[in-house]
Amino acid sequence: MSDGKTSFEISLGSYEATNAIARESGGLKRGERLFHLDGYYPGGRHQTFGMFRKEPTYDRVKRLVIEVIKGKRRPTSGTTPTR
């Protein structure tokens, strides 16, 4: 953007709390790790664009991020704070 402000940020992450919940619910085996590709937007809005049982490759993440930027990848979940 020409105004220098960030429109949104995209992050690949893995949180221990998410992994613990997935293990307890039977969705993740011991030694596996869950990764998520998330978008963070002004006003606190958050969207998840993918969940992965193992760390995705750089090339896969790059392809997914390009799809998000182009509006070709829809979120699988998200949150929008209420005012």
PDB file of N, CA and C in Angstrom:
ATOM      1  N   MET A   1       0.844  -1.190   0.000  1.00  0.00           N
ATOM      2  CA  MET A   1       0.000   0.000   0.000  1.00  0.00           C
ATOM      3  C   MET A   1       0.879   1.239   0.000  1.00  0.00           C
ATOM      4  N   SER A   2       0.403   2.254  -0.612  1.00  0.00           N
ATOM      5  CA  SER A   2       1.203   3.471  -0.725  1.00  0.00           C
ATOM      6  C   SER A   2       1.245   4.286   0.568  1.00  0.00           C
ATOM      7  N   ASP A   3       0.298   4.060   1.502  1.00  0.00           N
ATOM      8  CA  ASP A   3       0.294   4.844   2.734  1.00  0.00           C
ATOM      9  C   ASP A   3       1.252   4.284   3.785  1.00  0.00           C
ATOM     10  N   GLY A   4       1.900   3.162   3.501  1.00  0.00           N
ATOM     11  CA  GLY A   4       2.883   2.596   4.409  1.00  0.00           C
ATOM     12  C   GLY A   4       2.301   1.798   5.558  1.00  0.00           C
ATOM     13  N   LYS A   5       0.985   1.647   5.617  1.00  0.00           N
ATOM     14  CA  LYS A   5       0.354   0.877   6.685  1.00  0.00           C
ATOM     15  C   LYS A   5       0.213  -0.584   6.268  1.00  0.00           C
ATOM     16  N   THR A   6       0.303  -1.468   7.241  1.00  0.00           N
ATOM     17  CA  THR A   6       0.134  -2.893   6.987  1.00  0.00           C
ATOM     18  C   THR A   6      -1.348  -3.214   6.873  1.00  0.00           C
ATOM     19  N   SER A   7      -1.728  -3.900   5.788  1.00  0.00           N
ATOM     20  CA  SER A   7      -3.120  -4.309   5.596  1.00  0.00           C
ATOM     21  C   SER A   7      -3.451  -5.521   6.458  1.00  0.00           C
ATOM     22  N   PHE A   8      -2.521  -6.477   6.503  1.00  0.00           N
ATOM     23  CA  PHE A   8      -2.673  -7.666   7.328  1.00  0.00           C
ATOM     24  C   PHE A   8      -1.344  -8.396   7.385  1.00  0.00           C
ATOM     25  N   GLU A   9      -1.246  -9.331   8.320  1.00  0.00           N
ATOM     26  CA  GLU A   9      -0.037 -10.139   8.466  1.00  0.00           C
ATOM     27  C   GLU A   9      -0.429 -11.600   8.367  1.00  0.00           C
ATOM     28  N   ILE A  10       0.446 -12.419   7.797  1.00  0.00           N
ATOM     29  CA  ILE A  10       0.225 -13.853   7.702  1.00  0.00           C
ATOM     30  C   ILE A  10       1.344 -14.543   8.469  1.00  0.00           C
ATOM     31  N   SER A  11       0.960 -15.539   9.269  1.00  0.00           N
ATOM     32  CA  SER A  11       1.919 -16.199  10.140  1.00  0.00           C
ATOM     33  C   SER A  11       1.738 -17.713  10.095  1.00  0.00           C
ATOM     34  N   LEU A  12       2.856 -18.437  10.063  1.00  0.00           N
ATOM     35  CA  LEU A  12       2.840 -19.885  10.240  1.00  0.00           C
ATOM     36  C   LEU A  12       3.292 -20.143  11.668  1.00  0.00           C
ATOM     37  N   GLY A  13       2.475 -20.841  12.440  1.00  0.00           N
ATOM     38  CA  GLY A  13       2.824 -21.049  13.833  1.00  0.00           C
ATOM     39  C   GLY A  13       2.441 -22.421  14.341  1.00  0.00           C
ATOM     40  N   SER A  14       2.868 -22.709  15.543  1.00  0.00           N
ATOM     41  CA  SER A  14       2.547 -23.950  16.239  1.00  0.00           C
ATOM     42  C   SER A  14       2.584 -23.646  17.729  1.00  0.00           C
ATOM     43  N   TYR A  15       1.441 -23.778  18.388  1.00  0.00           N
ATOM     44  CA  TYR A  15       1.362 -23.455  19.803  1.00  0.00           C
ATOM     45  C   TYR A  15       1.226 -24.720  20.637  1.00  0.00           C
ATOM     46  N   GLU A  16       1.945 -24.789  21.737  1.00  0.00           N
ATOM     47  CA  GLU A  16       1.893 -25.967  22.594  1.00  0.00           C
ATOM     48  C   GLU A  16       0.479 -26.225  23.100  1.00  0.00           C
ATOM     49  N   ALA A  17      -0.258 -25.179  23.426  1.00  0.00           N
ATOM     50  CA  ALA A  17      -1.628 -25.368  23.920  1.00  0.00           C
ATOM     51  C   ALA A  17      -2.504 -26.041  22.860  1.00  0.00           C
ATOM     52  N   THR A  18      -2.389 -25.599  21.625  1.00  0.00           N
ATOM     53  CA  THR A  18      -3.159 -26.206  20.526  1.00  0.00           C
ATOM     54  C   THR A  18      -2.756 -27.664  20.341  1.00  0.00           C
ATOM     55  N   ASN A  19      -1.452 -27.929  20.409  1.00  0.00           N
ATOM     56  CA  ASN A  19      -0.972 -29.300  20.268  1.00  0.00           C
ATOM     57  C   ASN A  19      -1.485 -30.183  21.405  1.00  0.00           C
ATOM     58  N   ALA A  20      -1.490 -29.682  22.626  1.00  0.00           N
ATOM     59  CA  ALA A  20      -1.971 -30.452  23.776  1.00  0.00           C
ATOM     60  C   ALA A  20      -3.457 -30.795  23.624  1.00  0.00           C
ATOM     61  N   ILE A  21      -4.249 -29.842  23.189  1.00  0.00           N
ATOM     62  CA  ILE A  21      -5.687 -30.079  22.981  1.00  0.00           C
ATOM     63  C   ILE A  21      -5.886 -31.127  21.896  1.00  0.00           C
ATOM     64  N   ALA A  22      -5.143 -31.006  20.798  1.00  0.00           N
ATOM     65  CA  ALA A  22      -5.263 -31.976  19.702  1.00  0.00           C
ATOM     66  C   ALA A  22      -4.850 -33.377  20.161  1.00  0.00           C
ATOM     67  N   ARG A  23      -3.829 -33.480  20.993  1.00  0.00           N
ATOM     68  CA  ARG A  23      -3.399 -34.794  21.515  1.00  0.00           C
ATOM     69  C   ARG A  23      -4.477 -35.386  22.426  1.00  0.00           C
ATOM     70  N   GLU A  24      -5.019 -34.566  23.314  1.00  0.00           N
ATOM     71  CA  GLU A  24      -6.041 -35.039  24.255  1.00  0.00           C
ATOM     72  C   GLU A  24      -7.308 -35.485  23.544  1.00  0.00           C
ATOM     73  N   SER A  25      -7.633 -34.829  22.440  1.00  0.00           N
ATOM     74  CA  SER A  25      -8.855 -35.182  21.704  1.00  0.00           C
ATOM     75  C   SER A  25      -8.629 -36.338  20.728  1.00  0.00           C
ATOM     76  N   GLY A  26      -7.377 -36.818  20.647  1.00  0.00           N
ATOM     77  CA  GLY A  26      -7.077 -37.952  19.778  1.00  0.00           C
ATOM     78  C   GLY A  26      -6.745 -37.575  18.349  1.00  0.00           C
ATOM     79  N   GLY A  27      -6.675 -36.297  18.061  1.00  0.00           N
ATOM     80  CA  GLY A  27      -6.395 -35.856  16.703  1.00  0.00           C
ATOM     81  C   GLY A  27      -4.922 -35.737  16.369  1.00  0.00           C
ATOM     82  N   LEU A  28      -4.068 -35.957  17.363  1.00  0.00           N
ATOM     83  CA  LEU A  28      -2.633 -35.790  17.154  1.00  0.00           C
ATOM     84  C   LEU A  28      -1.906 -36.833  17.995  1.00  0.00           C
ATOM     85  N   LYS A  29      -1.000 -37.556  17.370  1.00  0.00           N
ATOM     86  CA  LYS A  29      -0.243 -38.586  18.075  1.00  0.00           C
ATOM     87  C   LYS A  29       0.952 -37.967  18.796  1.00  0.00           C
ATOM     88  N   ARG A  30       1.462 -38.683  19.778  1.00  0.00           N
ATOM     89  CA  ARG A  30       2.658 -38.239  20.497  1.00  0.00           C
ATOM     90  C   ARG A  30       3.794 -38.074  19.486  1.00  0.00           C
ATOM     91  N   GLY A  31       4.523 -36.971  19.602  1.00  0.00           N
ATOM     92  CA  GLY A  31       5.625 -36.689  18.685  1.00  0.00           C
ATOM     93  C   GLY A  31       5.209 -35.889  17.463  1.00  0.00           C
ATOM     94  N   GLU A  32       3.892 -35.850  17.161  1.00  0.00           N
ATOM     95  CA  GLU A  32       3.420 -35.021  16.050  1.00  0.00           C
ATOM     96  C   GLU A  32       3.214 -33.594  16.536  1.00  0.00           C
ATOM     97  N   ARG A  33       3.221 -32.685  15.594  1.00  0.00           N
ATOM     98  CA  ARG A  33       3.049 -31.276  15.920  1.00  0.00           C
ATOM     99  C   ARG A  33       2.107 -30.662  14.893  1.00  0.00           C
ATOM    100  N   LEU A  34       1.199 -29.845  15.337  1.00  0.00           N
ATOM    101  CA  LEU A  34       0.219 -29.190  14.483  1.00  0.00           C
ATOM    102  C   LEU A  34       0.691 -27.778  14.161  1.00  0.00           C
ATOM    103  N   PHE A  35       0.647 -27.411  12.889  1.00  0.00           N
ATOM    104  CA  PHE A  35       1.001 -26.063  12.446  1.00  0.00           C
ATOM    105  C   PHE A  35      -0.236 -25.413  11.837  1.00  0.00           C
ATOM    106  N   HIS A  36      -0.304 -24.099  11.901  1.00  0.00           N
ATOM    107  CA  HIS A  36      -1.447 -23.365  11.348  1.00  0.00           C
ATOM    108  C   HIS A  36      -0.956 -22.125  10.611  1.00  0.00           C
ATOM    109  N   LEU A  37      -1.652 -21.799   9.541  1.00  0.00           N
ATOM    110  CA  LEU A  37      -1.360 -20.604   8.747  1.00  0.00           C
ATOM    111  C   LEU A  37      -2.486 -19.612   9.025  1.00  0.00           C
ATOM    112  N   ASP A  38      -2.142 -18.503   9.670  1.00  0.00           N
ATOM    113  CA  ASP A  38      -3.139 -17.536  10.126  1.00  0.00           C
ATOM    114  C   ASP A  38      -2.932 -16.157   9.531  1.00  0.00           C
ATOM    115  N   GLY A  39      -4.035 -15.439   9.373  1.00  0.00           N
ATOM    116  CA  GLY A  39      -4.008 -14.047   8.966  1.00  0.00           C
ATOM    117  C   GLY A  39      -4.496 -13.186  10.116  1.00  0.00           C
ATOM    118  N   TYR A  40      -3.807 -12.086  10.366  1.00  0.00           N
ATOM    119  CA  TYR A  40      -4.173 -11.149  11.429  1.00  0.00           C
ATOM    120  C   TYR A  40      -4.449  -9.793  10.794  1.00  0.00           C
ATOM    121  N   TYR A  41      -5.591  -9.212  11.131  1.00  0.00           N
ATOM    122  CA  TYR A  41      -6.088  -8.011  10.455  1.00  0.00           C
ATOM    123  C   TYR A  41      -6.331  -6.886  11.449  1.00  0.00           C
ATOM    124  N   PRO A  42      -6.381  -5.648  10.956  1.00  0.00           N
ATOM    125  CA  PRO A  42      -6.686  -4.516  11.841  1.00  0.00           C
ATOM    126  C   PRO A  42      -7.996  -4.750  12.593  1.00  0.00           C
ATOM    127  N   GLY A  43      -8.063  -4.257  13.802  1.00  0.00           N
ATOM    128  CA  GLY A  43      -9.266  -4.409  14.607  1.00  0.00           C
ATOM    129  C   GLY A  43      -9.329  -5.726  15.355  1.00  0.00           C
ATOM    130  N   GLY A  44      -8.283  -6.559  15.218  1.00  0.00           N
ATOM    131  CA  GLY A  44      -8.234  -7.814  15.957  1.00  0.00           C
ATOM    132  C   GLY A  44      -8.825  -9.018  15.262  1.00  0.00           C
ATOM    133  N   ARG A  45      -9.270  -8.862  14.015  1.00  0.00           N
ATOM    134  CA  ARG A  45      -9.827 -10.000  13.279  1.00  0.00           C
ATOM    135  C   ARG A  45      -8.721 -11.006  12.981  1.00  0.00           C
ATOM    136  N   HIS A  46      -9.073 -12.282  13.050  1.00  0.00           N
ATOM    137  CA  HIS A  46      -8.129 -13.375  12.827  1.00  0.00           C
ATOM    138  C   HIS A  46      -8.793 -14.426  11.931  1.00  0.00           C
ATOM    139  N   GLN A  47      -8.034 -14.971  10.990  1.00  0.00           N
ATOM    140  CA  GLN A  47      -8.542 -16.045  10.144  1.00  0.00           C
ATOM    141  C   GLN A  47      -7.485 -17.133  10.004  1.00  0.00           C
ATOM    142  N   THR A  48      -7.933 -18.392  10.018  1.00  0.00           N
ATOM    143  CA  THR A  48      -7.033 -19.523   9.815  1.00  0.00           C
ATOM    144  C   THR A  48      -7.237 -20.042   8.396  1.00  0.00           C
ATOM    145  N   PHE A  49      -6.135 -20.170   7.665  1.00  0.00           N
ATOM    146  CA  PHE A  49      -6.191 -20.599   6.272  1.00  0.00           C
ATOM    147  C   PHE A  49      -5.715 -22.023   6.049  1.00  0.00           C
ATOM    148  N   GLY A  50      -5.208 -22.663   7.089  1.00  0.00           N
ATOM    149  CA  GLY A  50      -4.788 -24.049   6.942  1.00  0.00           C
ATOM    150  C   GLY A  50      -4.218 -24.603   8.220  1.00  0.00           C
ATOM    151  N   MET A  51      -4.402 -25.922   8.408  1.00  0.00           N
ATOM    152  CA  MET A  51      -3.827 -26.656   9.534  1.00  0.00           C
ATOM    153  C   MET A  51      -3.029 -27.807   8.937  1.00  0.00           C
ATOM    154  N   PHE A  52      -1.869 -28.076   9.523  1.00  0.00           N
ATOM    155  CA  PHE A  52      -0.954 -29.074   8.977  1.00  0.00           C
ATOM    156  C   PHE A  52      -0.434 -29.972  10.088  1.00  0.00           C
ATOM    157  N   ARG A  53      -0.408 -31.287   9.863  1.00  0.00           N
ATOM    158  CA  ARG A  53       0.067 -32.254  10.851  1.00  0.00           C
ATOM    159  C   ARG A  53       1.591 -32.249  10.989  1.00  0.00           C
ATOM    160  N   LYS A  54       2.278 -31.750  10.007  1.00  0.00           N
ATOM    161  CA  LYS A  54       3.724 -31.586  10.095  1.00  0.00           C
ATOM    162  C   LYS A  54       4.074 -30.251   9.453  1.00  0.00           C
ATOM    163  N   GLU A  55       5.260 -29.769   9.731  1.00  0.00           N
ATOM    164  CA  GLU A  55       5.643 -28.457   9.222  1.00  0.00           C
ATOM    165  C   GLU A  55       5.646 -28.461   7.695  1.00  0.00           C
ATOM    166  N   PRO A  56       4.858 -27.576   7.080  1.00  0.00           N
ATOM    167  CA  PRO A  56       4.837 -27.534   5.618  1.00  0.00           C
ATOM    168  C   PRO A  56       6.136 -26.945   5.070  1.00  0.00           C
ATOM    169  N   THR A  57       6.457 -27.305   3.849  1.00  0.00           N
ATOM    170  CA  THR A  57       7.670 -26.787   3.221  1.00  0.00           C
ATOM    171  C   THR A  57       7.507 -25.303   2.914  1.00  0.00           C
ATOM    172  N   TYR A  58       8.627 -24.647   2.725  1.00  0.00           N
ATOM    173  CA  TYR A  58       8.619 -23.235   2.356  1.00  0.00           C
ATOM    174  C   TYR A  58       7.797 -23.026   1.078  1.00  0.00           C
ATOM    175  N   ASP A  59       8.004 -23.894   0.082  1.00  0.00           N
ATOM    176  CA  ASP A  59       7.299 -23.731  -1.189  1.00  0.00           C
ATOM    177  C   ASP A  59       5.790 -23.874  -1.027  1.00  0.00           C
ATOM    178  N   ARG A  60       5.354 -24.805  -0.174  1.00  0.00           N
ATOM    179  CA  ARG A  60       3.914 -24.952   0.058  1.00  0.00           C
ATOM    180  C   ARG A  60       3.344 -23.716   0.746  1.00  0.00           C
ATOM    181  N   VAL A  61       4.040 -23.225   1.759  1.00  0.00           N
ATOM    182  CA  VAL A  61       3.585 -22.023   2.461  1.00  0.00           C
ATOM    183  C   VAL A  61       3.531 -20.847   1.501  1.00  0.00           C
ATOM    184  N   LYS A  62       4.546 -20.705   0.672  1.00  0.00           N
ATOM    185  CA  LYS A  62       4.585 -19.610  -0.300  1.00  0.00           C
ATOM    186  C   LYS A  62       3.371 -19.671  -1.231  1.00  0.00           C
ATOM    187  N   ARG A  63       3.056 -20.868  -1.739  1.00  0.00           N
ATOM    188  CA  ARG A  63       1.891 -21.015  -2.631  1.00  0.00           C
ATOM    189  C   ARG A  63       0.599 -20.629  -1.918  1.00  0.00           C
ATOM    190  N   LEU A  64       0.454 -21.077  -0.665  1.00  0.00           N
ATOM    191  CA  LEU A  64      -0.754 -20.772   0.096  1.00  0.00           C
ATOM    192  C   LEU A  64      -0.884 -19.278   0.384  1.00  0.00           C
ATOM    193  N   VAL A  65       0.225 -18.647   0.748  1.00  0.00           N
ATOM    194  CA  VAL A  65       0.201 -17.206   1.031  1.00  0.00           C
ATOM    195  C   VAL A  65      -0.186 -16.427  -0.227  1.00  0.00           C
ATOM    196  N   ILE A  66       0.337 -16.817  -1.359  1.00  0.00           N
ATOM    197  CA  ILE A  66      -0.033 -16.151  -2.616  1.00  0.00           C
ATOM    198  C   ILE A  66      -1.527 -16.313  -2.878  1.00  0.00           C
ATOM    199  N   GLU A  67      -2.070 -17.507  -2.608  1.00  0.00           N
ATOM    200  CA  GLU A  67      -3.516 -17.725  -2.777  1.00  0.00           C
ATOM    201  C   GLU A  67      -4.310 -16.811  -1.842  1.00  0.00           C
ATOM    202  N   VAL A  68      -3.846 -16.661  -0.598  1.00  0.00           N
ATOM    203  CA  VAL A  68      -4.531 -15.783   0.363  1.00  0.00           C
ATOM    204  C   VAL A  68      -4.511 -14.348  -0.150  1.00  0.00           C
ATOM    205  N   ILE A  69      -3.357 -13.874  -0.565  1.00  0.00           N
ATOM    206  CA  ILE A  69      -3.217 -12.492  -1.043  1.00  0.00           C
ATOM    207  C   ILE A  69      -4.112 -12.234  -2.247  1.00  0.00           C
ATOM    208  N   LYS A  70      -4.213 -13.206  -3.134  1.00  0.00           N
ATOM    209  CA  LYS A  70      -5.035 -13.054  -4.338  1.00  0.00           C
ATOM    210  C   LYS A  70      -6.525 -13.288  -4.073  1.00  0.00           C
ATOM    211  N   GLY A  71      -6.868 -13.692  -2.849  1.00  0.00           N
ATOM    212  CA  GLY A  71      -8.265 -13.954  -2.513  1.00  0.00           C
ATOM    213  C   GLY A  71      -8.765 -15.286  -3.028  1.00  0.00           C
ATOM    214  N   LYS A  72      -7.869 -16.189  -3.371  1.00  0.00           N
ATOM    215  CA  LYS A  72      -8.249 -17.496  -3.917  1.00  0.00           C
ATOM    216  C   LYS A  72      -8.327 -18.582  -2.852  1.00  0.00           C
ATOM    217  N   ARG A  73      -7.879 -18.293  -1.637  1.00  0.00           N
ATOM    218  CA  ARG A  73      -7.951 -19.267  -0.543  1.00  0.00           C
ATOM    219  C   ARG A  73      -8.835 -18.698   0.550  1.00  0.00           C
ATOM    220  N   ARG A  74      -9.907 -19.396   0.834  1.00  0.00           N
ATOM    221  CA  ARG A  74     -10.857 -18.964   1.855  1.00  0.00           C
ATOM    222  C   ARG A  74     -10.410 -19.484   3.223  1.00  0.00           C
ATOM    223  N   PRO A  75     -10.698 -18.765   4.281  1.00  0.00           N
ATOM    224  CA  PRO A  75     -10.337 -19.243   5.623  1.00  0.00           C
ATOM    225  C   PRO A  75     -11.196 -20.440   6.027  1.00  0.00           C
ATOM    226  N   THR A  76     -10.622 -21.304   6.857  1.00  0.00           N
ATOM    227  CA  THR A  76     -11.366 -22.436   7.401  1.00  0.00           C
ATOM    228  C   THR A  76     -12.052 -22.066   8.707  1.00  0.00           C
ATOM    229  N   SER A  77     -11.549 -21.020   9.362  1.00  0.00           N
ATOM    230  CA  SER A  77     -12.147 -20.526  10.597  1.00  0.00           C
ATOM    231  C   SER A  77     -11.617 -19.128  10.869  1.00  0.00           C
ATOM    232  N   GLY A  78     -12.200 -18.476  11.870  1.00  0.00           N
ATOM    233  CA  GLY A  78     -11.723 -17.149  12.215  1.00  0.00           C
ATOM    234  C   GLY A  78     -12.510 -16.559  13.363  1.00  0.00           C
ATOM    235  N   THR A  79     -12.030 -15.436  13.837  1.00  0.00           N
ATOM    236  CA  THR A  79     -12.714 -14.707  14.901  1.00  0.00           C
ATOM    237  C   THR A  79     -12.728 -13.223  14.565  1.00  0.00           C
ATOM    238  N   THR A  80     -13.809 -12.575  14.937  1.00  0.00           N
ATOM    239  CA  THR A  80     -13.929 -11.138  14.779  1.00  0.00           C
ATOM    240  C   THR A  80     -14.405 -10.567  16.104  1.00  0.00           C
ATOM    241  N   PRO A  81     -13.596  -9.739  16.747  1.00  0.00           N
ATOM    242  CA  PRO A  81     -14.021  -9.176  18.034  1.00  0.00           C
ATOM    243  C   PRO A  81     -15.263  -8.299  17.867  1.00  0.00           C
ATOM    244  N   THR A  82     -16.119  -8.345  18.875  1.00  0.00           N
ATOM    245  CA  THR A  82     -17.289  -7.457  18.868  1.00  0.00           C
ATOM    246  C   THR A  82     -16.956  -6.228  19.686  1.00  0.00           C
ATOM    247  N   ARG A  83     -17.614  -5.171  19.377  1.00  0.00           N
ATOM    248  CA  ARG A  83     -17.343  -3.919  20.088  1.00  0.00           C
ATOM    249  C   ARG A  83     -18.383  -3.638  21.116  1.00  0.00           C
TER     250      ARG A  83
END
